[in-house]
Structure formats: C-alpha cells, structure tokens
C-alpha cells in the first residue's frame, strides 16, 4: 500500500492506496478543480459547501453511470439471446439444405 500526498481545496491529505500514485493525483486534481470552480462561481461559498455540491455532482454522475451500465447489461443479454436464436435458426436451415441436397443427389 502506497501513501500519496494530495491537496484539495487548500487542505493537505495523505492517502493510503493500492491504486497507482498518478491515478490518485489525477483524481485529487480533478476534485480540487471542481471545488475551486464551484467556489469561484458562487458568492463567497465556503469550501465545505463547495465540497458538498461537488459530492452531489459526483454522486449524480456515478448513479447515472450505474443505471446506464445496468441498461447496457440488459441490452447485451437481449443481443446474446437474439444471437443464440439466429445461430439455432442457421443450424436448422443448414440441416434442411443438406437434406435437400442429399435428396437431389448433391445437385442444387
């Protein structure tokens, strides 16, 4: 486990993580930029308030992404079912074609 020093909204933190150091630094920079943007856009908004707004935004994004993943899993299941059905139909048609060819002495 690696310890990574980051700063978010002017507050230093030491994070113990199994993730890549650069990845953690990138996340921290993204969060800090988001909070700073909220603070700069608002009328004298406190860092704690900006943090809550940033968290709401990240929670919204995460929830929508989870819902999208769930929908994609459903779609993928439907596609796999359709593909299995098409394969079954193809195999049946191949067998029928082979029977027809056999009945016509291999001529078609």
Protein backbone atom coordinates (compact mmCIF):
# COMPACT_ATOMS: atom_id res chain seq x y z
CA UNK A 1 0.00 0.00 0.00
CA UNK A 2 1.39 3.36 -1.06
CA UNK A 3 0.90 6.69 0.70
CA UNK A 4 0.15 9.64 -1.59
CA UNK A 5 0.11 13.29 -0.51
CA UNK A 6 -2.64 15.37 -2.12
CA UNK A 7 -4.20 18.80 -1.56
CA UNK A 8 -7.88 19.51 -2.09
CA UNK A 9 -9.35 22.98 -1.50
CA UNK A 10 -6.14 24.02 0.22
CA UNK A 11 -6.24 21.14 2.71
CA UNK A 12 -3.42 18.59 2.59
CA UNK A 13 -4.21 14.89 2.91
CA UNK A 14 -2.14 11.72 2.94
CA UNK A 15 -3.99 8.88 1.26
CA UNK A 16 -3.07 5.21 1.70
CA UNK A 17 -3.99 3.42 -1.51
CA UNK A 18 -3.40 0.38 -3.65
CA UNK A 19 -4.06 2.50 -6.74
CA UNK A 20 -1.36 3.98 -8.92
CA UNK A 21 0.09 7.20 -7.49
CA UNK A 22 -0.52 9.17 -10.69
CA UNK A 23 -4.13 8.00 -10.77
CA UNK A 24 -4.74 9.25 -7.22
CA UNK A 25 -3.05 12.57 -8.02
CA UNK A 26 -5.21 12.91 -11.13
CA UNK A 27 -8.38 12.27 -9.10
CA UNK A 28 -7.32 14.78 -6.47
CA UNK A 29 -6.60 17.39 -9.13
CA UNK A 30 -10.00 16.81 -10.74
CA UNK A 31 -11.79 17.12 -7.39
CA UNK A 32 -9.80 20.21 -6.42
CA UNK A 33 -10.54 21.84 -9.79
CA UNK A 34 -14.24 21.05 -9.39
CA UNK A 35 -14.40 22.50 -5.87
CA UNK A 36 -12.38 25.58 -6.83
CA UNK A 37 -14.70 26.15 -9.81
CA UNK A 38 -17.76 25.98 -7.57
CA UNK A 39 -16.14 28.37 -5.09
CA UNK A 40 -15.18 30.83 -7.83
CA UNK A 41 -18.65 30.72 -9.40
CA UNK A 42 -20.57 31.22 -6.16
CA UNK A 43 -20.93 34.28 -3.98
CA UNK A 44 -18.41 33.67 -1.19
CA UNK A 45 -19.24 29.99 -0.85
CA UNK A 46 -17.29 28.14 1.83
CA UNK A 47 -15.02 25.22 0.91
CA UNK A 48 -17.26 22.84 2.88
CA UNK A 49 -20.32 23.98 0.92
CA UNK A 50 -18.44 23.67 -2.37
CA UNK A 51 -17.34 20.18 -1.32
CA UNK A 52 -20.94 19.14 -0.67
CA UNK A 53 -22.01 20.48 -4.09
CA UNK A 54 -19.10 18.69 -5.77
CA UNK A 55 -20.04 15.46 -3.97
CA UNK A 56 -23.65 15.81 -5.13
CA UNK A 57 -22.40 16.23 -8.69
CA UNK A 58 -20.12 13.18 -8.45
CA UNK A 59 -22.89 11.11 -6.84
CA UNK A 60 -25.24 12.11 -9.67
CA UNK A 61 -22.70 11.12 -12.31
CA UNK A 62 -21.96 7.81 -10.56
CA UNK A 63 -25.65 6.93 -10.15
CA UNK A 64 -26.42 7.72 -13.80
CA UNK A 65 -23.39 5.69 -14.92
CA UNK A 66 -24.53 2.72 -12.80
CA UNK A 67 -28.00 2.92 -14.30
CA UNK A 68 -26.50 3.09 -17.79
CA UNK A 69 -24.35 0.02 -17.08
CA UNK A 70 -27.42 -1.87 -15.85
CA UNK A 71 -29.30 -0.92 -19.04
CA UNK A 72 -26.35 -1.98 -21.18
CA UNK A 73 -26.25 -5.35 -19.40
CA UNK A 74 -29.93 -5.84 -20.19
CA UNK A 75 -29.33 -4.89 -23.84
CA UNK A 76 -26.34 -7.20 -24.04
CA UNK A 77 -28.45 -10.06 -22.66
CA UNK A 78 -31.08 -9.37 -25.30
CA UNK A 79 -28.42 -9.30 -28.04
CA UNK A 80 -26.96 -12.58 -26.82
CA UNK A 81 -30.42 -14.18 -26.79
CA UNK A 82 -31.06 -12.90 -30.33
CA UNK A 83 -27.65 -14.18 -31.47
CA UNK A 84 -28.28 -17.62 -29.96
CA UNK A 85 -31.68 -17.77 -31.66
CA UNK A 86 -30.17 -16.73 -35.00
CA UNK A 87 -27.46 -19.39 -34.64
CA UNK A 88 -30.09 -22.02 -33.90
CA UNK A 89 -32.11 -20.97 -36.95
CA UNK A 90 -28.97 -21.01 -39.10
CA UNK A 91 -28.11 -24.52 -37.95
CA UNK A 92 -31.66 -25.69 -38.69
CA UNK A 93 -31.52 -24.17 -42.18
CA UNK A 94 -28.16 -25.81 -42.85
CA UNK A 95 -29.61 -29.20 -41.89
CA UNK A 96 -32.62 -28.62 -44.17
CA UNK A 97 -30.32 -27.58 -47.03
CA UNK A 98 -28.20 -30.70 -46.50
CA UNK A 99 -31.36 -32.86 -46.67
CA UNK A 100 -32.45 -31.12 -49.87
CA UNK A 101 -29.00 -31.58 -51.43
CA UNK A 102 -28.99 -35.24 -50.43
CA UNK A 103 -32.43 -35.74 -51.99
CA UNK A 104 -31.21 -34.14 -55.22
CA UNK A 105 -28.03 -36.27 -55.37
CA UNK A 106 -25.88 -33.35 -54.28
CA UNK A 107 -27.19 -31.06 -57.00
CA UNK A 108 -28.84 -27.81 -56.16
